[in-house]
Amino acid sequence: MRPALLRMATRYLESTDEAEDVVQDALLKLWFLRDRLEQYRSVDALAIVITKHLCINRLRGIRVEKVDLEQGVSIGGGENPEMKLVEEENMKEILEVISTLPDLQQAILRMKHIEGFEVEEIARLTGSTPVAVRTNLSRARKKVKEQFMIHNKVWN
């Protein structure tokens, strides 16, 4: 299934790296749905639809650069080249901190802030409750904010 998804994603995105990321995200979503896959007539069709939607989201510009982590570190636009450089460095640091989080918190944070899923949808995809999703989301945001501020010696 993976090679077919990768071919499709590459046609949409024209970038092998982005296509790899999208296929990985699609397979992660399928993994979270693994206990309920028998409810679908075709797992292949589901994988294709998920991959297509993720590609469309990328093409629409829903990317990591737009993450703000809700009241965390603000990553905004700006025409000033120095500010853009600072924002890029900040985003790299934030992504490094996110990569140190437990897998579930990473997945929930990415689904919420990068892919734009609602809490209820994340709960359904992860087989969790909305309360558990909110708790993990809060813990993940707090950890990212703390680590970012420690690294940059920023105090409230």
Protein backbone atom coordinates (compact mmCIF):
# COMPACT_ATOMS: atom_id res chain seq x y z
CA MET A 1 0.00 0.00 0.00
CA ARG A 2 2.83 2.40 0.88
CA PRO A 3 4.40 2.60 -2.61
CA ALA A 4 1.02 3.42 -4.20
CA LEU A 5 0.34 6.13 -1.59
CA LEU A 6 3.81 7.56 -2.13
CA ARG A 7 3.30 7.75 -5.91
CA MET A 8 -0.02 9.52 -5.42
CA ALA A 9 1.37 11.97 -2.85
CA THR A 10 4.36 12.74 -5.08
CA ARG A 11 2.02 13.58 -7.97
CA TYR A 12 0.13 16.01 -5.73
CA LEU A 13 3.09 17.61 -4.00
CA GLU A 14 5.91 17.28 -6.55
CA SER A 15 8.34 16.85 -3.66
CA THR A 16 9.53 13.44 -2.58
CA ASP A 17 10.31 14.63 0.95
CA GLU A 18 6.87 16.17 1.48
CA ALA A 19 5.24 13.12 -0.08
CA GLU A 20 7.16 10.87 2.36
CA ASP A 21 5.92 13.01 5.27
CA VAL A 22 2.33 12.85 4.09
CA VAL A 23 2.42 9.08 3.59
CA GLN A 24 3.96 8.63 7.03
CA ASP A 25 1.17 10.75 8.55
CA ALA A 26 -1.46 8.76 6.64
CA LEU A 27 -0.03 5.48 7.86
CA LEU A 28 0.04 6.85 11.42
CA LYS A 29 -3.65 7.70 11.13
CA LEU A 30 -4.36 4.18 9.89
CA TRP A 31 -2.39 2.78 12.81
CA PHE A 32 -4.57 4.73 15.25
CA LEU A 33 -7.63 3.31 13.47
CA ARG A 34 -6.29 -0.26 13.42
CA ASP A 35 -8.88 -1.59 15.87
CA ARG A 36 -11.74 -0.24 13.73
CA LEU A 37 -10.50 -0.91 10.21
CA GLU A 38 -12.96 -3.77 9.78
CA GLN A 39 -15.74 -1.15 9.76
CA TYR A 40 -14.50 0.13 6.40
CA ARG A 41 -15.26 -1.62 3.12
CA SER A 42 -11.77 -0.95 1.80
CA VAL A 43 -8.73 -0.06 3.87
CA ASP A 44 -6.90 0.83 0.65
CA ALA A 45 -9.60 3.34 -0.27
CA LEU A 46 -9.47 4.81 3.23
CA ALA A 47 -5.69 5.17 2.97
CA ILE A 48 -6.04 6.89 -0.39
CA VAL A 49 -8.65 9.34 0.94
CA ILE A 50 -6.56 10.15 4.01
CA THR A 51 -3.45 10.69 1.88
CA LYS A 52 -5.36 12.84 -0.60
CA HIS A 53 -6.72 15.06 2.19
CA LEU A 54 -3.29 15.44 3.76
CA CYS A 55 -1.85 16.43 0.36
CA ILE A 56 -4.60 18.98 -0.17
CA ASN A 57 -3.96 20.42 3.28
CA ARG A 58 -0.28 20.81 2.41
CA LEU A 59 -1.13 22.47 -0.87
CA ARG A 60 -3.47 24.89 0.88
CA GLY A 61 -0.60 25.98 3.06
CA ILE A 62 -1.50 24.31 6.34
CA ARG A 63 2.13 23.78 7.30
CA VAL A 64 4.38 23.72 10.30
CA GLU A 65 5.30 27.36 9.74
CA LYS A 66 1.81 28.40 10.85
CA VAL A 67 1.91 26.68 14.24
CA ASP A 68 1.34 28.96 17.20
CA LEU A 69 0.80 26.35 19.96
CA GLU A 70 -2.07 28.42 21.36
CA GLN A 71 -0.69 31.03 23.75
CA GLY A 72 2.72 29.47 23.46
CA VAL A 73 5.47 30.89 21.35
CA SER A 74 4.01 33.01 18.60
CA ILE A 75 5.31 32.32 15.13
CA GLY A 76 3.97 35.00 12.84
CA GLY A 77 4.61 36.48 9.48
CA GLY A 78 6.66 39.53 8.86
CA GLU A 79 8.56 41.12 6.05
CA ASN A 80 11.67 41.87 8.11
CA PRO A 81 14.43 39.40 7.03
CA GLU A 82 15.97 39.34 10.52
CA MET A 83 12.60 38.46 12.07
CA LYS A 84 12.09 35.70 9.51
CA LEU A 85 15.46 34.21 10.42
CA VAL A 86 14.61 34.35 14.14
CA GLU A 87 11.23 32.75 13.45
CA GLU A 88 12.83 29.96 11.43
CA GLU A 89 15.31 29.27 14.23
CA ASN A 90 12.49 29.32 16.79
CA MET A 91 10.47 26.88 14.70
CA LYS A 92 13.44 24.50 14.46
CA GLU A 93 13.82 24.59 18.24
CA ILE A 94 10.10 24.01 18.77
CA LEU A 95 10.14 21.02 16.41
CA GLU A 96 13.16 19.58 18.23
CA VAL A 97 11.33 19.88 21.55
CA ILE A 98 8.21 18.30 20.05
CA SER A 99 10.31 15.36 18.85
CA THR A 100 11.31 14.65 22.47
CA LEU A 101 7.70 14.32 23.65
CA PRO A 102 6.10 10.90 24.18
CA ASP A 103 4.72 9.49 20.91
CA LEU A 104 1.07 10.03 21.81
CA GLN A 105 1.64 13.66 22.81
CA GLN A 106 3.60 14.26 19.61
CA ALA A 107 0.83 12.77 17.51
CA ILE A 108 -1.91 14.71 19.31
CA LEU A 109 0.00 17.99 19.09
CA ARG A 110 0.68 17.52 15.38
CA MET A 111 -2.93 16.52 14.64
CA LYS A 112 -4.29 19.54 16.49
CA HIS A 113 -1.88 22.29 15.47
CA ILE A 114 -0.42 21.17 12.18
CA GLU A 115 -3.26 19.22 10.60
CA GLY A 116 -6.08 21.18 12.24
CA PHE A 117 -8.10 18.29 13.67
CA GLU A 118 -10.66 18.96 16.38
CA VAL A 119 -10.29 17.35 19.82
CA GLU A 120 -13.20 14.96 19.25
CA GLU A 121 -11.73 13.79 15.95
CA ILE A 122 -8.32 13.24 17.55
CA ALA A 123 -9.98 11.25 20.33
CA ARG A 124 -11.70 9.06 17.77
CA LEU A 125 -8.50 8.54 15.76
CA THR A 126 -6.38 7.71 18.81
CA GLY A 127 -9.02 5.60 20.53
CA SER A 128 -8.98 7.99 23.45
CA THR A 129 -11.47 10.28 25.17
CA PRO A 130 -11.72 14.02 24.49
CA VAL A 131 -10.68 14.68 28.09
CA ALA A 132 -7.54 12.55 27.68
CA VAL A 133 -6.73 14.34 24.42
CA ARG A 134 -7.11 17.76 26.07
CA THR A 135 -4.94 16.64 28.98
CA ASN A 136 -2.20 15.33 26.67
CA LEU A 137 -2.45 18.46 24.53
CA SER A 138 -2.09 20.69 27.58
CA ARG A 139 0.90 18.72 28.88
CA ALA A 140 2.57 18.76 25.47
CA ARG A 141 2.07 22.51 25.03
CA LYS A 142 3.37 23.18 28.53
CA LYS A 143 6.47 21.06 27.96
CA VAL A 144 7.19 22.70 24.59
CA LYS A 145 6.76 26.17 26.06
CA GLU A 146 8.93 25.39 29.11
CA GLN A 147 11.73 23.85 27.08
CA PHE A 148 11.66 26.63 24.51
CA MET A 149 11.80 29.30 27.19
CA ILE A 150 14.58 27.51 29.08
CA HIS A 151 16.61 27.18 25.92
CA ASN A 152 16.08 30.84 25.02
CA LYS A 153 16.24 32.13 28.60
CA VAL A 154 12.86 33.78 28.27
CA TRP A 155 10.82 34.44 31.38
CA ASN A 156 7.18 35.47 31.70
